[in-house]
N, C-alpha and C. Protein backbone atom coordinates (compact mmCIF):
# COMPACT_ATOMS: atom_id res chain seq x y z
N MET A 1 -22.19 8.04 42.41
CA MET A 1 -22.28 8.87 41.21
C MET A 1 -21.71 8.11 40.01
N LYS A 2 -22.39 8.15 38.91
CA LYS A 2 -21.97 7.41 37.72
C LYS A 2 -20.73 8.04 37.09
N ASN A 3 -19.77 7.19 36.71
CA ASN A 3 -18.57 7.67 36.06
C ASN A 3 -18.85 7.93 34.58
N THR A 4 -18.69 9.19 34.15
CA THR A 4 -18.98 9.55 32.76
C THR A 4 -17.72 9.72 31.93
N THR A 5 -16.57 9.33 32.48
CA THR A 5 -15.32 9.44 31.73
C THR A 5 -15.31 8.43 30.59
N PRO A 6 -15.03 8.86 29.37
CA PRO A 6 -14.97 7.91 28.25
C PRO A 6 -13.99 6.79 28.56
N PRO A 7 -14.27 5.55 28.07
CA PRO A 7 -13.46 4.40 28.42
C PRO A 7 -12.00 4.50 28.01
N ASP A 8 -11.70 5.29 26.96
CA ASP A 8 -10.33 5.39 26.49
C ASP A 8 -9.63 6.66 26.94
N ALA A 9 -10.25 7.40 27.88
CA ALA A 9 -9.66 8.66 28.30
C ALA A 9 -8.34 8.43 29.01
N PRO A 10 -7.36 9.33 28.80
CA PRO A 10 -6.05 9.15 29.44
C PRO A 10 -6.11 9.50 30.91
N ALA A 11 -5.13 9.03 31.65
CA ALA A 11 -5.03 9.40 33.05
C ALA A 11 -4.71 10.87 33.15
N ALA A 12 -4.85 11.41 34.40
CA ALA A 12 -4.60 12.83 34.62
C ALA A 12 -3.19 13.18 34.15
N GLY A 13 -3.07 14.40 33.61
CA GLY A 13 -1.76 14.83 33.11
C GLY A 13 -1.81 15.00 31.61
N ARG A 14 -1.06 15.97 31.12
CA ARG A 14 -1.10 16.27 29.69
C ARG A 14 -0.11 15.39 28.93
N LEU A 15 -0.55 14.91 27.79
CA LEU A 15 0.33 14.15 26.92
C LEU A 15 1.04 15.10 25.97
N SER A 16 2.22 14.70 25.52
CA SER A 16 2.89 15.47 24.48
C SER A 16 2.07 15.38 23.20
N ARG A 17 2.35 16.27 22.27
CA ARG A 17 1.60 16.26 21.02
C ARG A 17 1.74 14.92 20.30
N ALA A 18 2.97 14.42 20.25
CA ALA A 18 3.21 13.13 19.56
C ALA A 18 2.49 12.00 20.28
N ALA A 19 2.53 12.01 21.62
CA ALA A 19 1.88 10.94 22.38
C ALA A 19 0.36 11.03 22.23
N ARG A 20 -0.17 12.25 22.20
CA ARG A 20 -1.63 12.41 22.02
C ARG A 20 -2.05 11.91 20.65
N ARG A 21 -1.27 12.22 19.63
CA ARG A 21 -1.60 11.75 18.28
C ARG A 21 -1.56 10.22 18.23
N ALA A 22 -0.52 9.63 18.82
CA ALA A 22 -0.42 8.17 18.83
C ALA A 22 -1.59 7.55 19.58
N GLN A 23 -1.97 8.17 20.70
CA GLN A 23 -3.11 7.66 21.48
C GLN A 23 -4.39 7.69 20.65
N MET A 24 -4.63 8.80 19.96
CA MET A 24 -5.85 8.92 19.17
C MET A 24 -5.86 7.94 18.00
N LEU A 25 -4.69 7.71 17.40
CA LEU A 25 -4.63 6.72 16.33
C LEU A 25 -4.94 5.32 16.85
N ASP A 26 -4.44 4.99 18.02
CA ASP A 26 -4.75 3.69 18.63
C ASP A 26 -6.24 3.55 18.90
N ILE A 27 -6.85 4.61 19.42
CA ILE A 27 -8.28 4.56 19.73
C ILE A 27 -9.09 4.49 18.44
N ALA A 28 -8.67 5.23 17.41
CA ALA A 28 -9.37 5.17 16.13
C ALA A 28 -9.33 3.76 15.55
N LEU A 29 -8.19 3.09 15.69
CA LEU A 29 -8.07 1.71 15.21
C LEU A 29 -9.00 0.79 16.00
N THR A 30 -9.11 1.02 17.30
CA THR A 30 -10.02 0.22 18.12
C THR A 30 -11.47 0.43 17.69
N ILE A 31 -11.82 1.67 17.38
CA ILE A 31 -13.19 1.97 16.93
C ILE A 31 -13.49 1.20 15.65
N ILE A 32 -12.56 1.24 14.68
CA ILE A 32 -12.78 0.52 13.42
C ILE A 32 -12.89 -0.97 13.66
N ARG A 33 -12.02 -1.48 14.53
CA ARG A 33 -12.01 -2.92 14.80
C ARG A 33 -13.30 -3.36 15.47
N GLU A 34 -13.82 -2.57 16.40
CA GLU A 34 -14.98 -2.96 17.19
C GLU A 34 -16.32 -2.51 16.60
N GLU A 35 -16.31 -1.38 15.89
CA GLU A 35 -17.59 -0.80 15.46
C GLU A 35 -17.69 -0.53 13.97
N GLY A 36 -16.58 -0.66 13.25
CA GLY A 36 -16.60 -0.43 11.81
C GLY A 36 -16.18 0.99 11.45
N ALA A 37 -15.72 1.15 10.21
CA ALA A 37 -15.19 2.44 9.76
C ALA A 37 -16.25 3.52 9.71
N ASP A 38 -17.51 3.14 9.44
CA ASP A 38 -18.57 4.15 9.35
C ASP A 38 -18.78 4.89 10.66
N ARG A 39 -18.44 4.24 11.77
CA ARG A 39 -18.64 4.84 13.09
C ARG A 39 -17.57 5.88 13.41
N LEU A 40 -16.48 5.85 12.68
CA LEU A 40 -15.33 6.71 13.01
C LEU A 40 -15.54 8.12 12.46
N THR A 41 -15.69 9.06 13.35
CA THR A 41 -15.69 10.48 13.01
C THR A 41 -14.72 11.18 13.96
N LEU A 42 -14.31 12.38 13.61
CA LEU A 42 -13.41 13.10 14.49
C LEU A 42 -14.09 13.44 15.82
N GLY A 43 -15.40 13.72 15.76
CA GLY A 43 -16.12 14.01 16.99
C GLY A 43 -16.20 12.81 17.91
N TYR A 44 -16.49 11.65 17.34
CA TYR A 44 -16.57 10.44 18.16
C TYR A 44 -15.21 10.05 18.69
N LEU A 45 -14.18 10.22 17.86
CA LEU A 45 -12.82 9.93 18.32
C LEU A 45 -12.45 10.84 19.49
N ALA A 46 -12.79 12.11 19.39
CA ALA A 46 -12.48 13.05 20.47
C ALA A 46 -13.15 12.61 21.77
N ALA A 47 -14.41 12.20 21.69
CA ALA A 47 -15.13 11.75 22.88
C ALA A 47 -14.48 10.52 23.49
N ARG A 48 -14.11 9.56 22.65
CA ARG A 48 -13.48 8.33 23.15
C ARG A 48 -12.10 8.61 23.74
N ALA A 49 -11.41 9.61 23.19
CA ALA A 49 -10.06 9.94 23.68
C ALA A 49 -10.08 10.88 24.87
N GLY A 50 -11.25 11.42 25.19
CA GLY A 50 -11.35 12.32 26.33
C GLY A 50 -10.77 13.70 26.05
N VAL A 51 -10.86 14.13 24.77
CA VAL A 51 -10.37 15.47 24.40
C VAL A 51 -11.49 16.22 23.70
N SER A 52 -11.27 17.51 23.50
CA SER A 52 -12.27 18.31 22.80
C SER A 52 -12.19 18.08 21.30
N LYS A 53 -13.26 18.37 20.59
CA LYS A 53 -13.26 18.23 19.13
C LYS A 53 -12.13 19.01 18.46
N PRO A 54 -11.90 20.27 18.90
CA PRO A 54 -10.82 21.02 18.24
C PRO A 54 -9.46 20.33 18.31
N VAL A 55 -9.21 19.57 19.38
CA VAL A 55 -7.93 18.85 19.48
C VAL A 55 -7.83 17.81 18.37
N ALA A 56 -8.91 17.06 18.15
CA ALA A 56 -8.90 16.05 17.09
C ALA A 56 -8.73 16.70 15.72
N TYR A 57 -9.42 17.83 15.50
CA TYR A 57 -9.31 18.51 14.22
C TYR A 57 -7.91 19.10 14.04
N GLU A 58 -7.30 19.57 15.13
CA GLU A 58 -5.96 20.13 15.05
C GLU A 58 -4.96 19.07 14.59
N HIS A 59 -5.14 17.83 15.04
CA HIS A 59 -4.21 16.77 14.70
C HIS A 59 -4.43 16.22 13.29
N PHE A 60 -5.69 16.11 12.85
CA PHE A 60 -5.97 15.38 11.61
C PHE A 60 -6.69 16.19 10.54
N GLY A 61 -7.25 17.32 10.90
CA GLY A 61 -7.88 18.19 9.91
C GLY A 61 -9.24 17.74 9.44
N THR A 62 -9.30 16.56 8.85
CA THR A 62 -10.54 16.01 8.32
C THR A 62 -10.60 14.51 8.63
N ARG A 63 -11.75 13.91 8.39
CA ARG A 63 -11.87 12.46 8.56
C ARG A 63 -10.92 11.75 7.60
N SER A 64 -10.81 12.25 6.37
CA SER A 64 -9.87 11.65 5.42
C SER A 64 -8.44 11.77 5.92
N GLY A 65 -8.13 12.90 6.56
CA GLY A 65 -6.80 13.07 7.13
C GLY A 65 -6.52 12.05 8.22
N LEU A 66 -7.53 11.77 9.03
CA LEU A 66 -7.40 10.76 10.09
C LEU A 66 -7.19 9.38 9.48
N LEU A 67 -8.01 9.02 8.51
CA LEU A 67 -7.91 7.70 7.88
C LEU A 67 -6.56 7.54 7.18
N THR A 68 -6.09 8.60 6.54
CA THR A 68 -4.79 8.54 5.87
C THR A 68 -3.68 8.34 6.89
N ALA A 69 -3.76 9.04 8.04
CA ALA A 69 -2.76 8.87 9.09
C ALA A 69 -2.78 7.45 9.63
N MET A 70 -3.96 6.85 9.75
CA MET A 70 -4.07 5.48 10.22
C MET A 70 -3.46 4.52 9.20
N TYR A 71 -3.72 4.77 7.93
CA TYR A 71 -3.18 3.91 6.88
C TYR A 71 -1.65 3.95 6.90
N ARG A 72 -1.10 5.15 7.08
CA ARG A 72 0.35 5.30 7.16
C ARG A 72 0.91 4.58 8.39
N ALA A 73 0.20 4.68 9.51
CA ALA A 73 0.68 4.05 10.74
C ALA A 73 0.72 2.54 10.60
N LEU A 74 -0.31 1.94 10.00
CA LEU A 74 -0.30 0.50 9.77
C LEU A 74 0.81 0.11 8.82
N ASP A 75 1.01 0.93 7.79
CA ASP A 75 2.07 0.64 6.84
C ASP A 75 3.44 0.72 7.50
N GLU A 76 3.62 1.67 8.42
CA GLU A 76 4.89 1.79 9.11
C GLU A 76 5.18 0.55 9.94
N GLN A 77 4.14 -0.01 10.59
CA GLN A 77 4.31 -1.25 11.33
C GLN A 77 4.78 -2.37 10.40
N HIS A 78 4.16 -2.43 9.23
CA HIS A 78 4.52 -3.42 8.21
C HIS A 78 5.98 -3.26 7.81
N SER A 79 6.38 -2.01 7.53
CA SER A 79 7.73 -1.74 7.08
C SER A 79 8.77 -2.09 8.13
N VAL A 80 8.50 -1.75 9.38
CA VAL A 80 9.44 -2.05 10.47
C VAL A 80 9.61 -3.56 10.62
N MET A 81 8.50 -4.30 10.57
CA MET A 81 8.57 -5.75 10.70
C MET A 81 9.36 -6.37 9.55
N LEU A 82 9.12 -5.88 8.34
CA LEU A 82 9.80 -6.41 7.16
C LEU A 82 11.31 -6.14 7.22
N ARG A 83 11.69 -4.92 7.57
CA ARG A 83 13.12 -4.58 7.64
C ARG A 83 13.81 -5.36 8.76
N ASP A 84 13.12 -5.55 9.87
CA ASP A 84 13.71 -6.31 10.97
C ASP A 84 13.95 -7.77 10.55
N ALA A 85 12.95 -8.35 9.87
CA ALA A 85 13.09 -9.74 9.42
C ALA A 85 14.23 -9.87 8.41
N LEU A 86 14.37 -8.90 7.51
CA LEU A 86 15.43 -8.94 6.52
C LEU A 86 16.81 -8.85 7.17
N SER A 87 16.92 -8.06 8.22
CA SER A 87 18.22 -7.89 8.88
C SER A 87 18.69 -9.18 9.53
N LYS A 88 17.77 -10.09 9.82
CA LYS A 88 18.12 -11.34 10.50
C LYS A 88 18.20 -12.53 9.55
N ALA A 89 17.87 -12.32 8.29
CA ALA A 89 17.82 -13.43 7.34
C ALA A 89 19.21 -13.82 6.85
N PRO A 90 19.46 -15.11 6.58
CA PRO A 90 20.71 -15.54 5.95
C PRO A 90 20.87 -14.85 4.60
N LYS A 91 22.11 -14.61 4.18
CA LYS A 91 22.37 -13.88 2.95
C LYS A 91 22.35 -14.81 1.75
N SER A 92 21.15 -15.14 1.31
CA SER A 92 20.97 -15.94 0.09
C SER A 92 19.68 -15.49 -0.57
N LEU A 93 19.55 -15.76 -1.87
CA LEU A 93 18.35 -15.35 -2.59
C LEU A 93 17.11 -16.03 -2.01
N GLN A 94 17.19 -17.35 -1.79
CA GLN A 94 16.02 -18.05 -1.29
C GLN A 94 15.60 -17.53 0.08
N ALA A 95 16.56 -17.36 0.98
CA ALA A 95 16.22 -16.88 2.32
C ALA A 95 15.63 -15.48 2.27
N THR A 96 16.21 -14.62 1.44
CA THR A 96 15.70 -13.25 1.31
C THR A 96 14.30 -13.24 0.72
N ALA A 97 14.10 -14.05 -0.33
CA ALA A 97 12.78 -14.13 -0.94
C ALA A 97 11.75 -14.68 0.04
N ASP A 98 12.15 -15.69 0.82
CA ASP A 98 11.24 -16.25 1.82
C ASP A 98 10.82 -15.20 2.84
N VAL A 99 11.78 -14.39 3.28
CA VAL A 99 11.47 -13.36 4.27
C VAL A 99 10.58 -12.28 3.68
N LEU A 100 10.92 -11.81 2.49
CA LEU A 100 10.08 -10.80 1.84
C LEU A 100 8.65 -11.30 1.68
N ALA A 101 8.53 -12.54 1.21
CA ALA A 101 7.20 -13.10 0.95
C ALA A 101 6.42 -13.34 2.23
N SER A 102 7.03 -13.97 3.21
CA SER A 102 6.30 -14.31 4.43
C SER A 102 5.91 -13.06 5.21
N ALA A 103 6.81 -12.06 5.26
CA ALA A 103 6.49 -10.83 5.97
C ALA A 103 5.36 -10.08 5.28
N TRP A 104 5.41 -10.04 3.95
CA TRP A 104 4.37 -9.33 3.19
C TRP A 104 3.00 -9.98 3.41
N VAL A 105 2.95 -11.29 3.27
CA VAL A 105 1.67 -11.99 3.40
C VAL A 105 1.18 -11.96 4.85
N HIS A 106 2.11 -12.12 5.81
CA HIS A 106 1.71 -12.12 7.21
C HIS A 106 1.11 -10.78 7.62
N CYS A 107 1.70 -9.69 7.15
CA CYS A 107 1.15 -8.38 7.50
C CYS A 107 -0.25 -8.21 6.93
N SER A 108 -0.50 -8.75 5.76
CA SER A 108 -1.85 -8.70 5.19
C SER A 108 -2.82 -9.51 6.05
N ALA A 109 -2.35 -10.66 6.52
CA ALA A 109 -3.20 -11.50 7.36
C ALA A 109 -3.45 -10.86 8.71
N ASP A 110 -2.42 -10.24 9.25
CA ASP A 110 -2.47 -9.70 10.61
C ASP A 110 -3.35 -8.47 10.71
N SER A 111 -3.38 -7.66 9.67
CA SER A 111 -4.13 -6.40 9.74
C SER A 111 -5.21 -6.31 8.68
N SER A 112 -5.67 -7.45 8.15
CA SER A 112 -6.58 -7.41 7.01
C SER A 112 -7.86 -6.64 7.30
N GLY A 113 -8.45 -6.85 8.47
CA GLY A 113 -9.70 -6.17 8.77
C GLY A 113 -9.55 -4.67 8.79
N GLU A 114 -8.60 -4.17 9.58
CA GLU A 114 -8.42 -2.73 9.70
C GLU A 114 -7.89 -2.13 8.39
N TRP A 115 -6.89 -2.80 7.82
CA TRP A 115 -6.25 -2.30 6.59
C TRP A 115 -7.27 -2.07 5.49
N HIS A 116 -8.10 -3.08 5.25
CA HIS A 116 -9.05 -2.97 4.14
C HIS A 116 -10.24 -2.08 4.49
N ALA A 117 -10.60 -2.02 5.77
CA ALA A 117 -11.67 -1.11 6.18
C ALA A 117 -11.25 0.34 5.95
N ILE A 118 -10.01 0.65 6.31
CA ILE A 118 -9.52 2.02 6.13
C ILE A 118 -9.41 2.33 4.63
N GLY A 119 -8.86 1.39 3.86
CA GLY A 119 -8.74 1.60 2.42
C GLY A 119 -10.09 1.81 1.76
N SER A 120 -11.08 1.03 2.18
CA SER A 120 -12.43 1.16 1.61
C SER A 120 -13.06 2.49 1.99
N ALA A 121 -12.83 2.92 3.25
CA ALA A 121 -13.40 4.18 3.70
C ALA A 121 -12.80 5.36 2.93
N LEU A 122 -11.53 5.27 2.60
CA LEU A 122 -10.90 6.34 1.83
C LEU A 122 -11.31 6.28 0.36
N GLY A 123 -11.61 5.05 -0.10
CA GLY A 123 -12.07 4.88 -1.48
C GLY A 123 -11.09 5.46 -2.48
N GLY A 124 -11.63 6.13 -3.48
CA GLY A 124 -10.77 6.70 -4.52
C GLY A 124 -10.41 8.14 -4.26
N SER A 125 -10.34 8.54 -2.99
CA SER A 125 -10.03 9.92 -2.65
C SER A 125 -8.62 10.29 -3.13
N GLU A 126 -8.40 11.58 -3.33
CA GLU A 126 -7.09 12.04 -3.78
C GLU A 126 -6.02 11.69 -2.75
N GLU A 127 -6.39 11.79 -1.46
CA GLU A 127 -5.42 11.45 -0.41
C GLU A 127 -4.98 10.01 -0.52
N MET A 128 -5.95 9.11 -0.73
CA MET A 128 -5.65 7.69 -0.79
C MET A 128 -4.78 7.37 -2.01
N VAL A 129 -5.12 7.94 -3.14
CA VAL A 129 -4.35 7.70 -4.36
C VAL A 129 -2.90 8.14 -4.16
N ALA A 130 -2.71 9.33 -3.58
CA ALA A 130 -1.36 9.86 -3.39
C ALA A 130 -0.56 9.02 -2.40
N VAL A 131 -1.19 8.66 -1.28
CA VAL A 131 -0.50 7.89 -0.25
C VAL A 131 -0.16 6.50 -0.76
N HIS A 132 -1.10 5.85 -1.43
CA HIS A 132 -0.86 4.51 -1.95
C HIS A 132 0.29 4.51 -2.95
N LYS A 133 0.32 5.50 -3.82
CA LYS A 133 1.39 5.60 -4.81
C LYS A 133 2.74 5.78 -4.11
N GLU A 134 2.78 6.64 -3.11
CA GLU A 134 4.03 6.89 -2.39
C GLU A 134 4.53 5.63 -1.67
N LEU A 135 3.62 4.94 -1.00
CA LEU A 135 4.03 3.76 -0.23
C LEU A 135 4.46 2.61 -1.13
N ILE A 136 3.76 2.42 -2.24
CA ILE A 136 4.14 1.36 -3.17
C ILE A 136 5.52 1.64 -3.74
N GLU A 137 5.80 2.89 -4.08
CA GLU A 137 7.12 3.23 -4.61
C GLU A 137 8.21 2.94 -3.59
N GLU A 138 7.94 3.19 -2.32
CA GLU A 138 8.92 2.90 -1.28
C GLU A 138 9.20 1.39 -1.20
N TYR A 139 8.14 0.58 -1.30
CA TYR A 139 8.33 -0.87 -1.23
C TYR A 139 9.03 -1.41 -2.47
N VAL A 140 8.73 -0.84 -3.62
CA VAL A 140 9.42 -1.28 -4.84
C VAL A 140 10.92 -1.00 -4.71
N ARG A 141 11.27 0.17 -4.20
CA ARG A 141 12.69 0.49 -4.01
C ARG A 141 13.33 -0.45 -2.99
N LEU A 142 12.59 -0.76 -1.91
CA LEU A 142 13.13 -1.68 -0.91
C LEU A 142 13.36 -3.07 -1.50
N PHE A 143 12.38 -3.59 -2.23
CA PHE A 143 12.52 -4.91 -2.86
C PHE A 143 13.72 -4.91 -3.82
N ALA A 144 13.81 -3.86 -4.65
CA ALA A 144 14.88 -3.81 -5.65
C ALA A 144 16.25 -3.77 -4.98
N ALA A 145 16.39 -2.93 -3.95
CA ALA A 145 17.68 -2.83 -3.27
C ALA A 145 18.04 -4.13 -2.57
N THR A 146 17.05 -4.79 -1.99
CA THR A 146 17.29 -6.03 -1.27
C THR A 146 17.66 -7.18 -2.20
N LEU A 147 17.04 -7.23 -3.38
CA LEU A 147 17.26 -8.33 -4.31
C LEU A 147 18.41 -8.09 -5.29
N LYS A 148 18.91 -6.88 -5.37
CA LYS A 148 19.94 -6.54 -6.35
C LYS A 148 21.18 -7.44 -6.30
N PRO A 149 21.66 -7.87 -5.11
CA PRO A 149 22.86 -8.71 -5.09
C PRO A 149 22.73 -10.02 -5.86
N TRP A 150 21.49 -10.47 -6.09
CA TRP A 150 21.29 -11.76 -6.77
C TRP A 150 20.72 -11.59 -8.18
N SER A 151 20.69 -10.37 -8.68
CA SER A 151 20.07 -10.16 -9.99
C SER A 151 21.06 -9.58 -11.00
N PRO A 152 21.10 -10.16 -12.21
CA PRO A 152 21.94 -9.60 -13.28
C PRO A 152 21.24 -8.50 -14.07
N LEU A 153 19.99 -8.20 -13.69
CA LEU A 153 19.19 -7.23 -14.44
C LEU A 153 19.70 -5.81 -14.23
N THR A 154 19.39 -4.95 -15.20
CA THR A 154 19.68 -3.53 -15.01
C THR A 154 18.80 -3.00 -13.87
N ASP A 155 19.19 -1.88 -13.32
CA ASP A 155 18.41 -1.29 -12.22
C ASP A 155 16.98 -1.00 -12.65
N ASP A 156 16.81 -0.47 -13.86
CA ASP A 156 15.47 -0.13 -14.33
C ASP A 156 14.59 -1.37 -14.49
N GLU A 157 15.19 -2.43 -15.08
CA GLU A 157 14.41 -3.65 -15.28
C GLU A 157 14.08 -4.31 -13.95
N LEU A 158 15.01 -4.30 -13.02
CA LEU A 158 14.75 -4.88 -11.70
C LEU A 158 13.66 -4.10 -10.98
N TYR A 159 13.68 -2.79 -11.10
CA TYR A 159 12.64 -1.95 -10.49
C TYR A 159 11.27 -2.31 -11.04
N ARG A 160 11.19 -2.44 -12.37
CA ARG A 160 9.90 -2.78 -12.98
C ARG A 160 9.42 -4.16 -12.53
N ARG A 161 10.35 -5.11 -12.47
CA ARG A 161 9.94 -6.45 -12.04
C ARG A 161 9.49 -6.46 -10.59
N CYS A 162 10.15 -5.69 -9.74
CA CYS A 162 9.75 -5.62 -8.34
C CYS A 162 8.37 -4.99 -8.20
N ALA A 163 8.06 -4.02 -9.05
CA ALA A 163 6.71 -3.43 -9.05
C ALA A 163 5.68 -4.51 -9.38
N GLY A 164 6.01 -5.35 -10.37
CA GLY A 164 5.11 -6.44 -10.72
C GLY A 164 5.01 -7.49 -9.63
N LEU A 165 6.13 -7.77 -8.98
CA LEU A 165 6.13 -8.76 -7.89
C LEU A 165 5.26 -8.30 -6.73
N ILE A 166 5.31 -7.02 -6.40
CA ILE A 166 4.49 -6.52 -5.30
C ILE A 166 3.00 -6.64 -5.65
N GLY A 167 2.68 -6.38 -6.91
CA GLY A 167 1.29 -6.58 -7.33
C GLY A 167 0.87 -8.04 -7.17
N ALA A 168 1.79 -8.95 -7.50
CA ALA A 168 1.50 -10.38 -7.34
C ALA A 168 1.34 -10.73 -5.87
N GLY A 169 2.18 -10.13 -5.02
CA GLY A 169 2.07 -10.39 -3.58
C GLY A 169 0.73 -9.94 -3.04
N ASP A 170 0.25 -8.80 -3.50
CA ASP A 170 -1.07 -8.31 -3.07
C ASP A 170 -2.18 -9.26 -3.54
N ALA A 171 -2.06 -9.76 -4.77
CA ALA A 171 -3.07 -10.68 -5.30
C ALA A 171 -3.09 -11.98 -4.50
N LEU A 172 -1.92 -12.50 -4.17
CA LEU A 172 -1.85 -13.73 -3.37
C LEU A 172 -2.39 -13.49 -1.96
N SER A 173 -2.12 -12.32 -1.41
CA SER A 173 -2.64 -11.99 -0.08
C SER A 173 -4.16 -11.95 -0.09
N MET A 174 -4.74 -11.44 -1.17
CA MET A 174 -6.19 -11.40 -1.26
C MET A 174 -6.78 -12.80 -1.36
N LEU A 175 -6.10 -13.70 -2.08
CA LEU A 175 -6.56 -15.09 -2.12
C LEU A 175 -6.60 -15.67 -0.71
N MET A 176 -5.57 -15.39 0.08
CA MET A 176 -5.52 -15.87 1.45
C MET A 176 -6.63 -15.26 2.29
N ILE A 177 -6.80 -13.95 2.21
CA ILE A 177 -7.83 -13.26 2.99
C ILE A 177 -9.21 -13.79 2.65
N ASN A 178 -9.42 -14.14 1.38
CA ASN A 178 -10.71 -14.67 0.94
C ASN A 178 -10.88 -16.16 1.22
N GLY A 179 -9.89 -16.77 1.86
CA GLY A 179 -10.00 -18.17 2.24
C GLY A 179 -9.69 -19.16 1.13
N GLN A 180 -9.05 -18.69 0.06
CA GLN A 180 -8.77 -19.57 -1.08
C GLN A 180 -7.43 -20.29 -0.96
N CYS A 181 -6.62 -19.87 0.01
CA CYS A 181 -5.38 -20.58 0.29
C CYS A 181 -4.92 -20.19 1.69
N SER A 182 -3.98 -20.95 2.23
CA SER A 182 -3.46 -20.65 3.55
C SER A 182 -2.39 -19.56 3.47
N GLU A 183 -2.05 -18.99 4.62
CA GLU A 183 -0.97 -17.99 4.66
C GLU A 183 0.34 -18.61 4.18
N GLN A 184 0.60 -19.84 4.60
CA GLN A 184 1.83 -20.52 4.19
C GLN A 184 1.88 -20.73 2.69
N ASP A 185 0.75 -21.17 2.10
CA ASP A 185 0.70 -21.39 0.65
C ASP A 185 0.95 -20.08 -0.11
N ALA A 186 0.31 -19.00 0.35
CA ALA A 186 0.47 -17.70 -0.31
C ALA A 186 1.92 -17.24 -0.23
N ALA A 187 2.55 -17.41 0.93
CA ALA A 187 3.95 -16.99 1.10
C ALA A 187 4.89 -17.82 0.23
N GLN A 188 4.65 -19.13 0.16
CA GLN A 188 5.51 -19.99 -0.66
C GLN A 188 5.39 -19.63 -2.14
N SER A 189 4.18 -19.38 -2.59
CA SER A 189 3.99 -19.00 -4.00
C SER A 189 4.65 -17.66 -4.29
N PHE A 190 4.53 -16.72 -3.36
CA PHE A 190 5.13 -15.41 -3.56
C PHE A 190 6.65 -15.51 -3.58
N SER A 191 7.21 -16.32 -2.69
CA SER A 191 8.66 -16.51 -2.66
C SER A 191 9.17 -17.09 -3.99
N ALA A 192 8.43 -18.06 -4.52
CA ALA A 192 8.83 -18.67 -5.80
C ALA A 192 8.80 -17.63 -6.92
N LEU A 193 7.80 -16.78 -6.91
CA LEU A 193 7.72 -15.73 -7.92
C LEU A 193 8.87 -14.74 -7.80
N ILE A 194 9.22 -14.39 -6.56
CA ILE A 194 10.34 -13.47 -6.33
C ILE A 194 11.64 -14.07 -6.86
N GLN A 195 11.88 -15.33 -6.51
CA GLN A 195 13.13 -15.97 -6.93
C GLN A 195 13.21 -16.08 -8.44
N GLY A 196 12.09 -16.38 -9.09
CA GLY A 196 12.08 -16.48 -10.54
C GLY A 196 12.10 -15.14 -11.23
N GLY A 197 11.62 -14.10 -10.53
CA GLY A 197 11.45 -12.80 -11.18
C GLY A 197 12.68 -11.92 -11.24
N VAL A 198 13.71 -12.24 -10.45
CA VAL A 198 14.87 -11.37 -10.44
C VAL A 198 15.89 -11.72 -11.51
N GLY A 199 15.59 -12.77 -12.29
CA GLY A 199 16.47 -13.12 -13.40
C GLY A 199 17.80 -13.68 -12.98
N ALA A 200 17.80 -14.46 -11.89
CA ALA A 200 19.05 -14.97 -11.35
C ALA A 200 19.55 -16.19 -12.12
N GLY A 201 18.78 -16.67 -13.06
CA GLY A 201 19.25 -17.81 -13.84
C GLY A 201 18.39 -19.03 -13.65
């Protein structure tokens, strides 16, 4: 008899709500990676996860809700990696700037396909605009707090400069993704901008 169980269906036994959500997000990412964002619907995700459609809708509400949750999950991975790298870095401006720059660029390189596919699928939706604004503000605060020990700037000026630095980091990451420079070159250029941008002298 042919096995009709979807390839990503869980083993027997009920998952907790949090575990089910994490499982569906993982499967959704696999769908985007293997088949493209256009293939991702809540119905198809439910079939691949081995659950009913109402379960998928209960967790994410809409396709935009699913894509937004995926975008947040990828960003959380980025944030955890960045904070972990910072905790291990020597306490100097150059070392801190190197870690900020290399982690930022590496995450863009590591998740470029999924990250940009999800962003493109969300387009200019209200959800995407709100989430992007929230996440960028969190990173600006993180950069400012991390770089403050080496900056004579006021808090407001440092915040504004960090907002500009993050924009520069995104631009350098796009150069790398487009094949115009290596990951190492992009990280070195970003680190130099960070060191020069905090007004340390």
